[in-house]
Amino acid sequence: MSKLPVVSSKEVIRILQKVGFEYAPKRGKGSHLAFVKKDKDKDKTRLVIVPKRKDIPKGTLLAILDHAGLTKEEFINLLKE
């Protein structure tokens, strides 16, 4: 299993948009941004909140990946693209 790198909120946002998430301006407040994606298979919407930070803490990044439905490996591969 690969180790998660330290990433900024800009990098996380780029990955989320790459996998189909869209910015939801009315959802995020203050220092947080919200992104939504409609799941095609399950007829539900995924909501991911990303804090605007230079470095996202590991636990926060893991929670973001969980909410987005991404594995660590998928995230790392998308970072390399």
PDB file of N, CA and C in Angstrom:
ATOM      1  N   MET A   1       0.845  -1.170   0.000  1.00  0.00           N
ATOM      2  CA  MET A   1       0.000   0.000   0.000  1.00  0.00           C
ATOM      3  C   MET A   1       0.893   1.238   0.000  1.00  0.00           C
ATOM      4  N   SER A   2       0.591   2.194  -0.837  1.00  0.00           N
ATOM      5  CA  SER A   2       1.394   3.394  -0.981  1.00  0.00           C
ATOM      6  C   SER A   2       1.105   4.393   0.128  1.00  0.00           C
ATOM      7  N   LYS A   3       2.119   5.187   0.420  1.00  0.00           N
ATOM      8  CA  LYS A   3       1.980   6.226   1.432  1.00  0.00           C
ATOM      9  C   LYS A   3       1.407   7.481   0.777  1.00  0.00           C
ATOM     10  N   LEU A   4       0.465   8.122   1.457  1.00  0.00           N
ATOM     11  CA  LEU A   4      -0.134   9.339   0.921  1.00  0.00           C
ATOM     12  C   LEU A   4       0.853  10.498   0.996  1.00  0.00           C
ATOM     13  N   PRO A   5       1.012  11.247  -0.093  1.00  0.00           N
ATOM     14  CA  PRO A   5       1.882  12.419  -0.053  1.00  0.00           C
ATOM     15  C   PRO A   5       1.172  13.593   0.618  1.00  0.00           C
ATOM     16  N   VAL A   6       1.948  14.591   1.018  1.00  0.00           N
ATOM     17  CA  VAL A   6       1.369  15.826   1.543  1.00  0.00           C
ATOM     18  C   VAL A   6       0.920  16.642   0.335  1.00  0.00           C
ATOM     19  N   VAL A   7      -0.353  17.024   0.317  1.00  0.00           N
ATOM     20  CA  VAL A   7      -0.896  17.766  -0.824  1.00  0.00           C
ATOM     21  C   VAL A   7      -1.621  19.018  -0.349  1.00  0.00           C
ATOM     22  N   SER A   8      -1.749  19.975  -1.253  1.00  0.00           N
ATOM     23  CA  SER A   8      -2.479  21.207  -0.951  1.00  0.00           C
ATOM     24  C   SER A   8      -3.937  21.052  -1.369  1.00  0.00           C
ATOM     25  N   SER A   9      -4.748  21.990  -0.941  1.00  0.00           N
ATOM     26  CA  SER A   9      -6.162  21.948  -1.325  1.00  0.00           C
ATOM     27  C   SER A   9      -6.315  22.111  -2.840  1.00  0.00           C
ATOM     28  N   LYS A  10      -5.426  22.876  -3.472  1.00  0.00           N
ATOM     29  CA  LYS A  10      -5.495  23.058  -4.929  1.00  0.00           C
ATOM     30  C   LYS A  10      -5.319  21.727  -5.658  1.00  0.00           C
ATOM     31  N   GLU A  11      -4.395  20.903  -5.167  1.00  0.00           N
ATOM     32  CA  GLU A  11      -4.167  19.597  -5.797  1.00  0.00           C
ATOM     33  C   GLU A  11      -5.362  18.667  -5.587  1.00  0.00           C
ATOM     34  N   VAL A  12      -5.935  18.698  -4.395  1.00  0.00           N
ATOM     35  CA  VAL A  12      -7.113  17.868  -4.107  1.00  0.00           C
ATOM     36  C   VAL A  12      -8.271  18.289  -5.006  1.00  0.00           C
ATOM     37  N   ILE A  13      -8.476  19.587  -5.146  1.00  0.00           N
ATOM     38  CA  ILE A  13      -9.558  20.108  -5.985  1.00  0.00           C
ATOM     39  C   ILE A  13      -9.357  19.685  -7.439  1.00  0.00           C
ATOM     40  N   ARG A  14      -8.123  19.743  -7.919  1.00  0.00           N
ATOM     41  CA  ARG A  14      -7.823  19.343  -9.302  1.00  0.00           C
ATOM     42  C   ARG A  14      -8.197  17.875  -9.528  1.00  0.00           C
ATOM     43  N   ILE A  15      -7.877  17.018  -8.557  1.00  0.00           N
ATOM     44  CA  ILE A  15      -8.199  15.590  -8.670  1.00  0.00           C
ATOM     45  C   ILE A  15      -9.710  15.380  -8.638  1.00  0.00           C
ATOM     46  N   LEU A  16     -10.389  16.059  -7.715  1.00  0.00           N
ATOM     47  CA  LEU A  16     -11.849  15.913  -7.618  1.00  0.00           C
ATOM     48  C   LEU A  16     -12.523  16.315  -8.923  1.00  0.00           C
ATOM     49  N   GLN A  17     -12.069  17.418  -9.514  1.00  0.00           N
ATOM     50  CA  GLN A  17     -12.660  17.863 -10.776  1.00  0.00           C
ATOM     51  C   GLN A  17     -12.340  16.888 -11.906  1.00  0.00           C
ATOM     52  N   LYS A  18     -11.171  16.274 -11.837  1.00  0.00           N
ATOM     53  CA  LYS A  18     -10.774  15.294 -12.853  1.00  0.00           C
ATOM     54  C   LYS A  18     -11.697  14.076 -12.847  1.00  0.00           C
ATOM     55  N   VAL A  19     -12.212  13.705 -11.665  1.00  0.00           N
ATOM     56  CA  VAL A  19     -13.086  12.529 -11.574  1.00  0.00           C
ATOM     57  C   VAL A  19     -14.572  12.895 -11.625  1.00  0.00           C
ATOM     58  N   GLY A  20     -14.878  14.159 -11.941  1.00  0.00           N
ATOM     59  CA  GLY A  20     -16.267  14.520 -12.195  1.00  0.00           C
ATOM     60  C   GLY A  20     -16.978  15.358 -11.152  1.00  0.00           C
ATOM     61  N   PHE A  21     -16.278  15.791 -10.105  1.00  0.00           N
ATOM     62  CA  PHE A  21     -16.915  16.648  -9.105  1.00  0.00           C
ATOM     63  C   PHE A  21     -16.990  18.074  -9.629  1.00  0.00           C
ATOM     64  N   GLU A  22     -18.057  18.763  -9.253  1.00  0.00           N
ATOM     65  CA  GLU A  22     -18.254  20.154  -9.655  1.00  0.00           C
ATOM     66  C   GLU A  22     -18.327  21.033  -8.423  1.00  0.00           C
ATOM     67  N   TYR A  23     -17.809  22.251  -8.557  1.00  0.00           N
ATOM     68  CA  TYR A  23     -17.836  23.219  -7.465  1.00  0.00           C
ATOM     69  C   TYR A  23     -19.279  23.611  -7.164  1.00  0.00           C
ATOM     70  N   ALA A  24     -19.633  23.624  -5.888  1.00  0.00           N
ATOM     71  CA  ALA A  24     -20.979  24.010  -5.440  1.00  0.00           C
ATOM     72  C   ALA A  24     -20.847  25.268  -4.584  1.00  0.00           C
ATOM     73  N   PRO A  25     -20.897  26.452  -5.201  1.00  0.00           N
ATOM     74  CA  PRO A  25     -20.611  27.694  -4.473  1.00  0.00           C
ATOM     75  C   PRO A  25     -21.549  27.990  -3.312  1.00  0.00           C
ATOM     76  N   LYS A  26     -22.764  27.518  -3.355  1.00  0.00           N
ATOM     77  CA  LYS A  26     -23.713  27.823  -2.283  1.00  0.00           C
ATOM     78  C   LYS A  26     -23.552  26.902  -1.078  1.00  0.00           C
ATOM     79  N   ARG A  27     -22.729  25.866  -1.189  1.00  0.00           N
ATOM     80  CA  ARG A  27     -22.583  24.891  -0.105  1.00  0.00           C
ATOM     81  C   ARG A  27     -21.438  25.227   0.848  1.00  0.00           C
ATOM     82  N   GLY A  28     -20.290  25.634   0.328  1.00  0.00           N
ATOM     83  CA  GLY A  28     -19.117  25.893   1.166  1.00  0.00           C
ATOM     84  C   GLY A  28     -19.163  27.279   1.782  1.00  0.00           C
ATOM     85  N   LYS A  29     -18.608  27.400   2.982  1.00  0.00           N
ATOM     86  CA  LYS A  29     -18.588  28.700   3.650  1.00  0.00           C
ATOM     87  C   LYS A  29     -17.201  28.964   4.209  1.00  0.00           C
ATOM     88  N   GLY A  30     -16.829  30.235   4.246  1.00  0.00           N
ATOM     89  CA  GLY A  30     -15.569  30.614   4.872  1.00  0.00           C
ATOM     90  C   GLY A  30     -14.373  29.982   4.193  1.00  0.00           C
ATOM     91  N   SER A  31     -13.606  29.235   4.954  1.00  0.00           N
ATOM     92  CA  SER A  31     -12.370  28.654   4.440  1.00  0.00           C
ATOM     93  C   SER A  31     -12.567  27.236   3.904  1.00  0.00           C
ATOM     94  N   HIS A  32     -13.787  26.885   3.534  1.00  0.00           N
ATOM     95  CA  HIS A  32     -14.078  25.555   3.004  1.00  0.00           C
ATOM     96  C   HIS A  32     -14.799  25.668   1.660  1.00  0.00           C
ATOM     97  N   LEU A  33     -14.489  24.740   0.755  1.00  0.00           N
ATOM     98  CA  LEU A  33     -15.136  24.676  -0.555  1.00  0.00           C
ATOM     99  C   LEU A  33     -15.889  23.357  -0.666  1.00  0.00           C
ATOM    100  N   ALA A  34     -17.031  23.396  -1.309  1.00  0.00           N
ATOM    101  CA  ALA A  34     -17.852  22.194  -1.464  1.00  0.00           C
ATOM    102  C   ALA A  34     -17.862  21.754  -2.929  1.00  0.00           C
ATOM    103  N   PHE A  35     -17.820  20.437  -3.125  1.00  0.00           N
ATOM    104  CA  PHE A  35     -17.876  19.845  -4.458  1.00  0.00           C
ATOM    105  C   PHE A  35     -18.892  18.714  -4.448  1.00  0.00           C
ATOM    106  N   VAL A  36     -19.682  18.620  -5.516  1.00  0.00           N
ATOM    107  CA  VAL A  36     -20.717  17.595  -5.599  1.00  0.00           C
ATOM    108  C   VAL A  36     -20.560  16.783  -6.884  1.00  0.00           C
ATOM    109  N   LYS A  37     -21.040  15.529  -6.799  1.00  0.00           N
ATOM    110  CA  LYS A  37     -21.036  14.641  -7.961  1.00  0.00           C
ATOM    111  C   LYS A  37     -22.237  13.722  -7.846  1.00  0.00           C
ATOM    112  N   LYS A  38     -22.980  13.609  -8.908  1.00  0.00           N
ATOM    113  CA  LYS A  38     -24.135  12.718  -8.958  1.00  0.00           C
ATOM    114  C   LYS A  38     -23.647  11.319  -9.298  1.00  0.00           C
ATOM    115  N   ASP A  39     -23.902  10.346  -8.405  1.00  0.00           N
ATOM    116  CA  ASP A  39     -23.545   8.951  -8.667  1.00  0.00           C
ATOM    117  C   ASP A  39     -24.516   8.369  -9.683  1.00  0.00           C
ATOM    118  N   LYS A  40     -23.985   7.821 -10.760  1.00  0.00           N
ATOM    119  CA  LYS A  40     -24.834   7.259 -11.813  1.00  0.00           C
ATOM    120  C   LYS A  40     -25.462   5.940 -11.377  1.00  0.00           C
ATOM    121  N   ASP A  41     -24.704   5.130 -10.649  1.00  0.00           N
ATOM    122  CA  ASP A  41     -25.173   3.797 -10.272  1.00  0.00           C
ATOM    123  C   ASP A  41     -26.218   3.811  -9.163  1.00  0.00           C
ATOM    124  N   LYS A  42     -26.041   4.665  -8.176  1.00  0.00           N
ATOM    125  CA  LYS A  42     -26.858   4.589  -6.968  1.00  0.00           C
ATOM    126  C   LYS A  42     -27.904   5.689  -6.838  1.00  0.00           C
ATOM    127  N   ASP A  43     -28.004   6.564  -7.812  1.00  0.00           N
ATOM    128  CA  ASP A  43     -28.991   7.642  -7.797  1.00  0.00           C
ATOM    129  C   ASP A  43     -28.895   8.485  -6.520  1.00  0.00           C
ATOM    130  N   LYS A  44     -27.660   8.834  -6.156  1.00  0.00           N
ATOM    131  CA  LYS A  44     -27.463   9.724  -5.018  1.00  0.00           C
ATOM    132  C   LYS A  44     -26.357  10.715  -5.353  1.00  0.00           C
ATOM    133  N   THR A  45     -26.237  11.751  -4.550  1.00  0.00           N
ATOM    134  CA  THR A  45     -25.237  12.780  -4.768  1.00  0.00           C
ATOM    135  C   THR A  45     -24.158  12.692  -3.697  1.00  0.00           C
ATOM    136  N   ARG A  46     -22.902  12.744  -4.123  1.00  0.00           N
ATOM    137  CA  ARG A  46     -21.778  12.764  -3.184  1.00  0.00           C
ATOM    138  C   ARG A  46     -21.386  14.218  -2.935  1.00  0.00           C
ATOM    139  N   LEU A  47     -21.185  14.568  -1.681  1.00  0.00           N
ATOM    140  CA  LEU A  47     -20.753  15.906  -1.292  1.00  0.00           C
ATOM    141  C   LEU A  47     -19.404  15.792  -0.598  1.00  0.00           C
ATOM    142  N   VAL A  48     -18.434  16.567  -1.068  1.00  0.00           N
ATOM    143  CA  VAL A  48     -17.097  16.572  -0.475  1.00  0.00           C
ATOM    144  C   VAL A  48     -16.749  18.006  -0.103  1.00  0.00           C
ATOM    145  N   ILE A  49     -16.339  18.201   1.148  1.00  0.00           N
ATOM    146  CA  ILE A  49     -15.926  19.515   1.633  1.00  0.00           C
ATOM    147  C   ILE A  49     -14.402  19.526   1.714  1.00  0.00           C
ATOM    148  N   VAL A  50     -13.777  20.547   1.103  1.00  0.00           N
ATOM    149  CA  VAL A  50     -12.318  20.659   1.097  1.00  0.00           C
ATOM    150  C   VAL A  50     -11.917  21.957   1.792  1.00  0.00           C
ATOM    151  N   PRO A  51     -11.094  21.865   2.848  1.00  0.00           N
ATOM    152  CA  PRO A  51     -10.622  23.092   3.497  1.00  0.00           C
ATOM    153  C   PRO A  51      -9.558  23.760   2.628  1.00  0.00           C
ATOM    154  N   LYS A  52      -9.558  25.092   2.588  1.00  0.00           N
ATOM    155  CA  LYS A  52      -8.535  25.827   1.847  1.00  0.00           C
ATOM    156  C   LYS A  52      -7.291  25.887   2.731  1.00  0.00           C
ATOM    157  N   ARG A  53      -6.339  25.009   2.455  1.00  0.00           N
ATOM    158  CA  ARG A  53      -5.113  24.944   3.250  1.00  0.00           C
ATOM    159  C   ARG A  53      -3.929  24.657   2.344  1.00  0.00           C
ATOM    160  N   LYS A  54      -2.773  25.110   2.783  1.00  0.00           N
ATOM    161  CA  LYS A  54      -1.549  24.823   2.038  1.00  0.00           C
ATOM    162  C   LYS A  54      -1.263  23.324   2.078  1.00  0.00           C
ATOM    163  N   ASP A  55      -1.342  22.735   3.258  1.00  0.00           N
ATOM    164  CA  ASP A  55      -1.136  21.296   3.424  1.00  0.00           C
ATOM    165  C   ASP A  55      -2.363  20.684   4.088  1.00  0.00           C
ATOM    166  N   ILE A  56      -2.951  19.684   3.444  1.00  0.00           N
ATOM    167  CA  ILE A  56      -4.114  18.990   4.000  1.00  0.00           C
ATOM    168  C   ILE A  56      -3.595  17.897   4.947  1.00  0.00           C
ATOM    169  N   PRO A  57      -4.040  17.877   6.209  1.00  0.00           N
ATOM    170  CA  PRO A  57      -3.617  16.815   7.128  1.00  0.00           C
ATOM    171  C   PRO A  57      -4.033  15.428   6.615  1.00  0.00           C
ATOM    172  N   LYS A  58      -3.246  14.406   6.977  1.00  0.00           N
ATOM    173  CA  LYS A  58      -3.474  13.045   6.482  1.00  0.00           C
ATOM    174  C   LYS A  58      -4.888  12.549   6.794  1.00  0.00           C
ATOM    175  N   GLY A  59      -5.351  12.743   8.018  1.00  0.00           N
ATOM    176  CA  GLY A  59      -6.686  12.284   8.404  1.00  0.00           C
ATOM    177  C   GLY A  59      -7.779  12.972   7.612  1.00  0.00           C
ATOM    178  N   THR A  60      -7.600  14.267   7.369  1.00  0.00           N
ATOM    179  CA  THR A  60      -8.572  15.028   6.574  1.00  0.00           C
ATOM    180  C   THR A  60      -8.583  14.528   5.138  1.00  0.00           C
ATOM    181  N   LEU A  61      -7.402  14.269   4.594  1.00  0.00           N
ATOM    182  CA  LEU A  61      -7.306  13.762   3.224  1.00  0.00           C
ATOM    183  C   LEU A  61      -7.969  12.393   3.101  1.00  0.00           C
ATOM    184  N   LEU A  62      -7.758  11.526   4.086  1.00  0.00           N
ATOM    185  CA  LEU A  62      -8.402  10.208   4.064  1.00  0.00           C
ATOM    186  C   LEU A  62      -9.924  10.340   4.104  1.00  0.00           C
ATOM    187  N   ALA A  63     -10.437  11.278   4.891  1.00  0.00           N
ATOM    188  CA  ALA A  63     -11.885  11.502   4.956  1.00  0.00           C
ATOM    189  C   ALA A  63     -12.410  12.029   3.623  1.00  0.00           C
ATOM    190  N   ILE A  64     -11.663  12.929   2.994  1.00  0.00           N
ATOM    191  CA  ILE A  64     -12.062  13.468   1.689  1.00  0.00           C
ATOM    192  C   ILE A  64     -12.124  12.334   0.664  1.00  0.00           C
ATOM    193  N   LEU A  65     -11.112  11.474   0.661  1.00  0.00           N
ATOM    194  CA  LEU A  65     -11.092  10.347  -0.285  1.00  0.00           C
ATOM    195  C   LEU A  65     -12.259   9.405  -0.040  1.00  0.00           C
ATOM    196  N   ASP A  66     -12.568   9.161   1.226  1.00  0.00           N
ATOM    197  CA  ASP A  66     -13.698   8.294   1.574  1.00  0.00           C
ATOM    198  C   ASP A  66     -15.009   8.883   1.065  1.00  0.00           C
ATOM    199  N   HIS A  67     -15.216  10.167   1.297  1.00  0.00           N
ATOM    200  CA  HIS A  67     -16.444  10.827   0.838  1.00  0.00           C
ATOM    201  C   HIS A  67     -16.525  10.856  -0.692  1.00  0.00           C
ATOM    202  N   ALA A  68     -15.365  10.958  -1.342  1.00  0.00           N
ATOM    203  CA  ALA A  68     -15.336  11.016  -2.806  1.00  0.00           C
ATOM    204  C   ALA A  68     -15.433   9.632  -3.441  1.00  0.00           C
ATOM    205  N   GLY A  69     -15.266   8.580  -2.637  1.00  0.00           N
ATOM    206  CA  GLY A  69     -15.320   7.224  -3.179  1.00  0.00           C
ATOM    207  C   GLY A  69     -14.043   6.814  -3.887  1.00  0.00           C
ATOM    208  N   LEU A  70     -12.911   7.397  -3.490  1.00  0.00           N
ATOM    209  CA  LEU A  70     -11.619   7.086  -4.095  1.00  0.00           C
ATOM    210  C   LEU A  70     -10.749   6.302  -3.116  1.00  0.00           C
ATOM    211  N   THR A  71      -9.920   5.418  -3.652  1.00  0.00           N
ATOM    212  CA  THR A  71      -8.939   4.724  -2.816  1.00  0.00           C
ATOM    213  C   THR A  71      -7.645   5.537  -2.811  1.00  0.00           C
ATOM    214  N   LYS A  72      -6.742   5.185  -1.898  1.00  0.00           N
ATOM    215  CA  LYS A  72      -5.437   5.864  -1.848  1.00  0.00           C
ATOM    216  C   LYS A  72      -4.695   5.682  -3.168  1.00  0.00           C
ATOM    217  N   GLU A  73      -4.726   4.460  -3.680  1.00  0.00           N
ATOM    218  CA  GLU A  73      -4.002   4.158  -4.911  1.00  0.00           C
ATOM    219  C   GLU A  73      -4.560   4.952  -6.095  1.00  0.00           C
ATOM    220  N   GLU A  74      -5.882   5.028  -6.196  1.00  0.00           N
ATOM    221  CA  GLU A  74      -6.497   5.816  -7.276  1.00  0.00           C
ATOM    222  C   GLU A  74      -6.074   7.275  -7.169  1.00  0.00           C
ATOM    223  N   PHE A  75      -6.093   7.811  -5.951  1.00  0.00           N
ATOM    224  CA  PHE A  75      -5.715   9.207  -5.739  1.00  0.00           C
ATOM    225  C   PHE A  75      -4.262   9.448  -6.144  1.00  0.00           C
ATOM    226  N   ILE A  76      -3.372   8.568  -5.717  1.00  0.00           N
ATOM    227  CA  ILE A  76      -1.947   8.724  -6.042  1.00  0.00           C
ATOM    228  C   ILE A  76      -1.726   8.634  -7.551  1.00  0.00           C
ATOM    229  N   ASN A  77      -2.409   7.710  -8.219  1.00  0.00           N
ATOM    230  CA  ASN A  77      -2.288   7.595  -9.679  1.00  0.00           C
ATOM    231  C   ASN A  77      -2.799   8.844 -10.378  1.00  0.00           C
ATOM    232  N   LEU A  78      -3.894   9.411  -9.894  1.00  0.00           N
ATOM    233  CA  LEU A  78      -4.429  10.636 -10.489  1.00  0.00           C
ATOM    234  C   LEU A  78      -3.490  11.818 -10.261  1.00  0.00           C
ATOM    235  N   LEU A  79      -2.792  11.829  -9.136  1.00  0.00           N
ATOM    236  CA  LEU A  79      -1.812  12.891  -8.863  1.00  0.00           C
ATOM    237  C   LEU A  79      -0.667  12.856  -9.865  1.00  0.00           C
ATOM    238  N   LYS A  80      -0.290  11.657 -10.281  1.00  0.00           N
ATOM    239  CA  LYS A  80       0.842  11.489 -11.198  1.00  0.00           C
ATOM    240  C   LYS A  80       0.501  11.888 -12.627  1.00  0.00           C
ATOM    241  N   GLU A  81      -0.775  11.909 -12.968  1.00  0.00           N
ATOM    242  CA  GLU A  81      -1.190  12.234 -14.350  1.00  0.00           C
ATOM    243  C   GLU A  81      -0.975  13.693 -14.656  1.00  0.00           C
TER     244      GLU A  81
END
